[in-house]
C-alpha cells in the first residue's frame, strides 16, 4: 500500500455533521468525499456530470438494498 499521511482541518460542528450526513446519503464516508475534492482541485480527476453522480448514487442504493435482502 502507498504511504499515506493524516491531514487535520478545523471545521464547525455543523459543517462536519452536514458533510457526514451528505456523504452517508451518497453511500460514502467523509474521507472519500474529501479525497475526491482534493483530486478534483489538483486536476487529478474530472468532475462528473450530475447525471453520472445520480447514477453512481443509485447504484450504491441498489447495492445496499440488495445486501439487505440477502441478509
PDB file of N, CA and C in Angstrom:
ATOM      1  N   UNK A   1       0.842  -1.175   0.000  1.00  0.00           N
ATOM      2  CA  UNK A   1       0.000   0.000   0.000  1.00  0.00           C
ATOM      3  C   UNK A   1       0.890   1.241   0.000  1.00  0.00           C
ATOM      4  N   UNK A   2       0.434   2.263  -0.699  1.00  0.00           N
ATOM      5  CA  UNK A   2       1.190   3.509  -0.766  1.00  0.00           C
ATOM      6  C   UNK A   2       1.221   4.182   0.605  1.00  0.00           C
ATOM      7  N   UNK A   3       2.301   4.886   0.850  1.00  0.00           N
ATOM      8  CA  UNK A   3       2.419   5.614   2.108  1.00  0.00           C
ATOM      9  C   UNK A   3       1.386   6.734   2.129  1.00  0.00           C
ATOM     10  N   UNK A   4       0.759   6.914   3.256  1.00  0.00           N
ATOM     11  CA  UNK A   4      -0.243   7.962   3.405  1.00  0.00           C
ATOM     12  C   UNK A   4       0.069   8.783   4.641  1.00  0.00           C
ATOM     13  N   UNK A   5      -0.474   9.980   4.681  1.00  0.00           N
ATOM     14  CA  UNK A   5      -0.317  10.806   5.862  1.00  0.00           C
ATOM     15  C   UNK A   5      -1.680  11.357   6.252  1.00  0.00           C
ATOM     16  N   UNK A   6      -1.767  11.809   7.459  1.00  0.00           N
ATOM     17  CA  UNK A   6      -3.012  12.335   8.010  1.00  0.00           C
ATOM     18  C   UNK A   6      -3.017  13.848   7.855  1.00  0.00           C
ATOM     19  N   UNK A   7      -4.196  14.400   7.578  1.00  0.00           N
ATOM     20  CA  UNK A   7      -4.380  15.839   7.453  1.00  0.00           C
ATOM     21  C   UNK A   7      -5.467  16.255   8.443  1.00  0.00           C
ATOM     22  N   UNK A   8      -5.167  17.222   9.262  1.00  0.00           N
ATOM     23  CA  UNK A   8      -6.133  17.702  10.245  1.00  0.00           C
ATOM     24  C   UNK A   8      -6.621  19.069   9.802  1.00  0.00           C
ATOM     25  N   UNK A   9      -7.942  19.245   9.806  1.00  0.00           N
ATOM     26  CA  UNK A   9      -8.515  20.542   9.454  1.00  0.00           C
ATOM     27  C   UNK A   9      -9.479  20.978  10.550  1.00  0.00           C
ATOM     28  N   UNK A  10      -9.727  22.272  10.600  1.00  0.00           N
ATOM     29  CA  UNK A  10     -10.709  22.812  11.537  1.00  0.00           C
ATOM     30  C   UNK A  10     -11.991  23.076  10.762  1.00  0.00           C
ATOM     31  N   UNK A  11     -13.106  22.631  11.342  1.00  0.00           N
ATOM     32  CA  UNK A  11     -14.401  22.791  10.703  1.00  0.00           C
ATOM     33  C   UNK A  11     -15.448  22.894  11.802  1.00  0.00           C
ATOM     34  N   UNK A  12     -16.468  23.670  11.559  1.00  0.00           N
ATOM     35  CA  UNK A  12     -17.507  23.816  12.578  1.00  0.00           C
ATOM     36  C   UNK A  12     -18.258  22.490  12.742  1.00  0.00           C
ATOM     37  N   UNK A  13     -18.776  22.243  13.926  1.00  0.00           N
ATOM     38  CA  UNK A  13     -19.544  21.006  14.142  1.00  0.00           C
ATOM     39  C   UNK A  13     -20.723  20.874  13.180  1.00  0.00           C
ATOM     40  N   UNK A  14     -21.349  21.995  12.836  1.00  0.00           N
ATOM     41  CA  UNK A  14     -22.490  21.957  11.925  1.00  0.00           C
ATOM     42  C   UNK A  14     -22.069  21.503  10.534  1.00  0.00           C
ATOM     43  N   UNK A  15     -20.947  22.038  10.053  1.00  0.00           N
ATOM     44  CA  UNK A  15     -20.465  21.632   8.731  1.00  0.00           C
ATOM     45  C   UNK A  15     -20.009  20.183   8.741  1.00  0.00           C
ATOM     46  N   UNK A  16     -19.360  19.774   9.817  1.00  0.00           N
ATOM     47  CA  UNK A  16     -18.908  18.390   9.900  1.00  0.00           C
ATOM     48  C   UNK A  16     -20.094  17.434   9.850  1.00  0.00           C
ATOM     49  N   UNK A  17     -21.139  17.749  10.602  1.00  0.00           N
ATOM     50  CA  UNK A  17     -22.329  16.901  10.607  1.00  0.00           C
ATOM     51  C   UNK A  17     -23.005  16.889   9.236  1.00  0.00           C
ATOM     52  N   UNK A  18     -23.097  18.061   8.601  1.00  0.00           N
ATOM     53  CA  UNK A  18     -23.704  18.131   7.270  1.00  0.00           C
ATOM     54  C   UNK A  18     -22.894  17.328   6.257  1.00  0.00           C
ATOM     55  N   UNK A  19     -21.565  17.404   6.336  1.00  0.00           N
ATOM     56  CA  UNK A  19     -20.705  16.636   5.440  1.00  0.00           C
ATOM     57  C   UNK A  19     -20.895  15.150   5.668  1.00  0.00           C
ATOM     58  N   UNK A  20     -20.901  14.737   6.915  1.00  0.00           N
ATOM     59  CA  UNK A  20     -21.079  13.321   7.249  1.00  0.00           C
ATOM     60  C   UNK A  20     -22.440  12.815   6.741  1.00  0.00           C
ATOM     61  N   UNK A  21     -23.486  13.609   6.953  1.00  0.00           N
ATOM     62  CA  UNK A  21     -24.823  13.202   6.523  1.00  0.00           C
ATOM     63  C   UNK A  21     -24.923  13.096   5.002  1.00  0.00           C
ATOM     64  N   UNK A  22     -24.344  14.090   4.324  1.00  0.00           N
ATOM     65  CA  UNK A  22     -24.398  14.070   2.856  1.00  0.00           C
ATOM     66  C   UNK A  22     -23.599  12.899   2.291  1.00  0.00           C
ATOM     67  N   UNK A  23     -22.433  12.658   2.870  1.00  0.00           N
ATOM     68  CA  UNK A  23     -21.612  11.525   2.425  1.00  0.00           C
ATOM     69  C   UNK A  23     -22.359  10.219   2.634  1.00  0.00           C
ATOM     70  N   UNK A  24     -22.970  10.075   3.790  1.00  0.00           N
ATOM     71  CA  UNK A  24     -23.721   8.853   4.093  1.00  0.00           C
ATOM     72  C   UNK A  24     -24.861   8.662   3.102  1.00  0.00           C
ATOM     73  N   UNK A  25     -25.552   9.750   2.758  1.00  0.00           N
ATOM     74  CA  UNK A  25     -26.643   9.672   1.790  1.00  0.00           C
ATOM     75  C   UNK A  25     -26.157   9.216   0.419  1.00  0.00           C
ATOM     76  N   UNK A  26     -24.891   9.495   0.128  1.00  0.00           N
ATOM     77  CA  UNK A  26     -24.292   9.095  -1.144  1.00  0.00           C
ATOM     78  C   UNK A  26     -23.578   7.752  -1.042  1.00  0.00           C
ATOM     79  N   UNK A  27     -23.654   7.120   0.125  1.00  0.00           N
ATOM     80  CA  UNK A  27     -23.015   5.819   0.296  1.00  0.00           C
ATOM     81  C   UNK A  27     -21.507   5.912   0.430  1.00  0.00           C
ATOM     82  N   UNK A  28     -21.026   7.048   0.914  1.00  0.00           N
ATOM     83  CA  UNK A  28     -19.583   7.264   1.060  1.00  0.00           C
ATOM     84  C   UNK A  28     -19.285   7.664   2.498  1.00  0.00           C
ATOM     85  N   UNK A  29     -17.993   7.778   2.796  1.00  0.00           N
ATOM     86  CA  UNK A  29     -17.602   8.346   4.088  1.00  0.00           C
ATOM     87  C   UNK A  29     -16.918   9.680   3.815  1.00  0.00           C
ATOM     88  N   UNK A  30     -16.675  10.436   4.868  1.00  0.00           N
ATOM     89  CA  UNK A  30     -16.130  11.781   4.686  1.00  0.00           C
ATOM     90  C   UNK A  30     -14.734  11.763   4.057  1.00  0.00           C
ATOM     91  N   UNK A  31     -13.947  10.761   4.354  1.00  0.00           N
ATOM     92  CA  UNK A  31     -12.619  10.675   3.755  1.00  0.00           C
ATOM     93  C   UNK A  31     -12.734  10.538   2.236  1.00  0.00           C
ATOM     94  N   UNK A  32     -13.647   9.691   1.772  1.00  0.00           N
ATOM     95  CA  UNK A  32     -13.824   9.525   0.327  1.00  0.00           C
ATOM     96  C   UNK A  32     -14.222  10.841  -0.334  1.00  0.00           C
ATOM     97  N   UNK A  33     -15.137  11.564   0.296  1.00  0.00           N
ATOM     98  CA  UNK A  33     -15.592  12.841  -0.252  1.00  0.00           C
ATOM     99  C   UNK A  33     -14.430  13.834  -0.329  1.00  0.00           C
ATOM    100  N   UNK A  34     -13.679  13.953   0.764  1.00  0.00           N
ATOM    101  CA  UNK A  34     -12.571  14.904   0.795  1.00  0.00           C
ATOM    102  C   UNK A  34     -11.471  14.517  -0.193  1.00  0.00           C
ATOM    103  N   UNK A  35     -11.203  13.234  -0.346  1.00  0.00           N
ATOM    104  CA  UNK A  35     -10.199  12.802  -1.315  1.00  0.00           C
ATOM    105  C   UNK A  35     -10.644  13.151  -2.735  1.00  0.00           C
ATOM    106  N   UNK A  36     -11.942  13.009  -3.031  1.00  0.00           N
ATOM    107  CA  UNK A  36     -12.458  13.388  -4.342  1.00  0.00           C
ATOM    108  C   UNK A  36     -12.292  14.886  -4.572  1.00  0.00           C
ATOM    109  N   UNK A  37     -12.623  15.691  -3.557  1.00  0.00           N
ATOM    110  CA  UNK A  37     -12.453  17.137  -3.680  1.00  0.00           C
ATOM    111  C   UNK A  37     -11.000  17.491  -3.958  1.00  0.00           C
ATOM    112  N   UNK A  38     -10.084  16.891  -3.232  1.00  0.00           N
ATOM    113  CA  UNK A  38      -8.662  17.179  -3.404  1.00  0.00           C
ATOM    114  C   UNK A  38      -8.204  16.775  -4.799  1.00  0.00           C
ATOM    115  N   UNK A  39      -8.612  15.593  -5.252  1.00  0.00           N
ATOM    116  CA  UNK A  39      -8.237  15.135  -6.592  1.00  0.00           C
ATOM    117  C   UNK A  39      -8.761  16.095  -7.659  1.00  0.00           C
ATOM    118  N   UNK A  40     -10.011  16.536  -7.501  1.00  0.00           N
ATOM    119  CA  UNK A  40     -10.578  17.484  -8.468  1.00  0.00           C
ATOM    120  C   UNK A  40      -9.817  18.806  -8.437  1.00  0.00           C
ATOM    121  N   UNK A  41      -9.518  19.300  -7.262  1.00  0.00           N
ATOM    122  CA  UNK A  41      -8.801  20.563  -7.111  1.00  0.00           C
ATOM    123  C   UNK A  41      -7.425  20.496  -7.766  1.00  0.00           C
ATOM    124  N   UNK A  42      -6.765  19.352  -7.623  1.00  0.00           N
ATOM    125  CA  UNK A  42      -5.431  19.177  -8.194  1.00  0.00           C
ATOM    126  C   UNK A  42      -5.467  18.785  -9.667  1.00  0.00           C
ATOM    127  N   UNK A  43      -6.667  18.601 -10.202  1.00  0.00           N
ATOM    128  CA  UNK A  43      -6.793  18.236 -11.612  1.00  0.00           C
ATOM    129  C   UNK A  43      -6.503  16.774 -11.876  1.00  0.00           C
ATOM    130  N   UNK A  44      -6.557  15.957 -10.834  1.00  0.00           N
ATOM    131  CA  UNK A  44      -6.288  14.527 -10.990  1.00  0.00           C
ATOM    132  C   UNK A  44      -7.537  13.751 -11.375  1.00  0.00           C
ATOM    133  N   UNK A  45      -8.677  14.377 -11.199  1.00  0.00           N
ATOM    134  CA  UNK A  45      -9.945  13.717 -11.507  1.00  0.00           C
ATOM    135  C   UNK A  45     -10.906  14.780 -12.026  1.00  0.00           C
ATOM    136  N   UNK A  46     -11.568  14.458 -13.100  1.00  0.00           N
ATOM    137  CA  UNK A  46     -12.532  15.389 -13.668  1.00  0.00           C
ATOM    138  C   UNK A  46     -13.837  15.330 -12.893  1.00  0.00           C
ATOM    139  N   UNK A  47     -14.536  16.440 -12.870  1.00  0.00           N
ATOM    140  CA  UNK A  47     -15.856  16.476 -12.253  1.00  0.00           C
ATOM    141  C   UNK A  47     -16.783  15.575 -13.056  1.00  0.00           C
ATOM    142  N   UNK A  48     -17.594  14.829 -12.366  1.00  0.00           N
ATOM    143  CA  UNK A  48     -18.584  14.035 -13.072  1.00  0.00           C
ATOM    144  C   UNK A  48     -19.844  14.873 -13.251  1.00  0.00           C
ATOM    145  N   UNK A  49     -20.587  14.552 -14.280  1.00  0.00           N
ATOM    146  CA  UNK A  49     -21.804  15.306 -14.553  1.00  0.00           C
ATOM    147  C   UNK A  49     -22.858  14.963 -13.501  1.00  0.00           C
ATOM    148  N   UNK A  50     -23.861  15.803 -13.360  1.00  0.00           N
ATOM    149  CA  UNK A  50     -24.934  15.496 -12.399  1.00  0.00           C
ATOM    150  C   UNK A  50     -25.601  14.152 -12.682  1.00  0.00           C
ATOM    151  N   UNK A  51     -25.723  13.809 -13.945  1.00  0.00           N
ATOM    152  CA  UNK A  51     -26.334  12.514 -14.285  1.00  0.00           C
ATOM    153  C   UNK A  51     -25.439  11.376 -13.820  1.00  0.00           C
ATOM    154  N   UNK A  52     -24.134  11.498 -14.063  1.00  0.00           N
ATOM    155  CA  UNK A  52     -23.207  10.463 -13.606  1.00  0.00           C
ATOM    156  C   UNK A  52     -23.239  10.335 -12.090  1.00  0.00           C
ATOM    157  N   UNK A  53     -23.331  11.457 -11.394  1.00  0.00           N
ATOM    158  CA  UNK A  53     -23.414  11.429  -9.933  1.00  0.00           C
ATOM    159  C   UNK A  53     -24.680  10.721  -9.476  1.00  0.00           C
ATOM    160  N   UNK A  54     -25.796  10.997 -10.126  1.00  0.00           N
ATOM    161  CA  UNK A  54     -27.062  10.355  -9.758  1.00  0.00           C
ATOM    162  C   UNK A  54     -27.021   8.857 -10.032  1.00  0.00           C
ATOM    163  N   UNK A  55     -26.439   8.463 -11.168  1.00  0.00           N
ATOM    164  CA  UNK A  55     -26.325   7.038 -11.489  1.00  0.00           C
ATOM    165  C   UNK A  55     -25.467   6.338 -10.445  1.00  0.00           C
ATOM    166  N   UNK A  56     -24.354   6.939 -10.077  1.00  0.00           N
ATOM    167  CA  UNK A  56     -23.480   6.359  -9.051  1.00  0.00           C
ATOM    168  C   UNK A  56     -24.225   6.216  -7.734  1.00  0.00           C
ATOM    169  N   UNK A  57     -24.956   7.250  -7.353  1.00  0.00           N
ATOM    170  CA  UNK A  57     -25.715   7.212  -6.104  1.00  0.00           C
ATOM    171  C   UNK A  57     -26.782   6.122  -6.158  1.00  0.00           C
ATOM    172  N   UNK A  58     -27.474   5.996  -7.291  1.00  0.00           N
ATOM    173  CA  UNK A  58     -28.498   4.963  -7.437  1.00  0.00           C
ATOM    174  C   UNK A  58     -27.881   3.563  -7.403  1.00  0.00           C
ATOM    175  N   UNK A  59     -26.710   3.406  -8.003  1.00  0.00           N
ATOM    176  CA  UNK A  59     -26.022   2.116  -7.951  1.00  0.00           C
ATOM    177  C   UNK A  59     -25.724   1.719  -6.507  1.00  0.00           C
ATOM    178  N   UNK A  60     -25.261   2.671  -5.717  1.00  0.00           N
ATOM    179  CA  UNK A  60     -24.959   2.375  -4.311  1.00  0.00           C
ATOM    180  C   UNK A  60     -26.222   2.003  -3.543  1.00  0.00           C
ATOM    181  N   UNK A  61     -27.314   2.715  -3.817  1.00  0.00           N
ATOM    182  CA  UNK A  61     -28.575   2.422  -3.136  1.00  0.00           C
ATOM    183  C   UNK A  61     -29.057   1.024  -3.495  1.00  0.00           C
ATOM    184  N   UNK A  62     -28.987   0.683  -4.772  1.00  0.00           N
ATOM    185  CA  UNK A  62     -29.412  -0.651  -5.214  1.00  0.00           C
ATOM    186  C   UNK A  62     -28.552  -1.725  -4.560  1.00  0.00           C
ATOM    187  N   UNK A  63     -27.238  -1.527  -4.542  1.00  0.00           N
ATOM    188  CA  UNK A  63     -26.347  -2.492  -3.903  1.00  0.00           C
ATOM    189  C   UNK A  63     -26.683  -2.644  -2.426  1.00  0.00           C
ATOM    190  N   UNK A  64     -26.960  -1.528  -1.758  1.00  0.00           N
ATOM    191  CA  UNK A  64     -27.296  -1.558  -0.335  1.00  0.00           C
ATOM    192  C   UNK A  64     -28.595  -2.329  -0.098  1.00  0.00           C
ATOM    193  N   UNK A  65     -29.600  -2.042  -0.913  1.00  0.00           N
ATOM    194  CA  UNK A  65     -30.902  -2.713  -0.762  1.00  0.00           C
ATOM    195  C   UNK A  65     -30.798  -4.199  -1.071  1.00  0.00           C
ATOM    196  N   UNK A  66     -30.017  -4.548  -2.085  1.00  0.00           N
ATOM    197  CA  UNK A  66     -29.823  -5.971  -2.395  1.00  0.00           C
ATOM    198  C   UNK A  66     -29.122  -6.684  -1.248  1.00  0.00           C
ATOM    199  N   UNK A  67     -28.158  -5.993  -0.651  1.00  0.00           N
ATOM    200  CA  UNK A  67     -27.469  -6.557   0.514  1.00  0.00           C
ATOM    201  C   UNK A  67     -28.416  -6.791   1.660  1.00  0.00           C
ATOM    202  N   UNK A  68     -29.361  -5.873   1.869  1.00  0.00           N
ATOM    203  CA  UNK A  68     -30.355  -6.031   2.941  1.00  0.00           C
ATOM    204  C   UNK A  68     -31.270  -7.209   2.655  1.00  0.00           C
ATOM    205  N   UNK A  69     -31.625  -7.410   1.401  1.00  0.00           N
ATOM    206  CA  UNK A  69     -32.497  -8.519   1.035  1.00  0.00           C
ATOM    207  C   UNK A  69     -31.831  -9.867   1.250  1.00  0.00           C
ATOM    208  N   UNK A  70     -30.521  -9.927   0.986  1.00  0.00           N
ATOM    209  CA  UNK A  70     -29.771 -11.171   1.135  1.00  0.00           C
ATOM    210  C   UNK A  70     -29.561 -11.497   2.616  1.00  0.00           C
ATOM    211  N   UNK A  71     -29.386 -10.480   3.436  1.00  0.00           N
ATOM    212  CA  UNK A  71     -29.091 -10.671   4.853  1.00  0.00           C
ATOM    213  C   UNK A  71     -30.263 -11.208   5.631  1.00  0.00           C
TER     214      UNK A  71
END
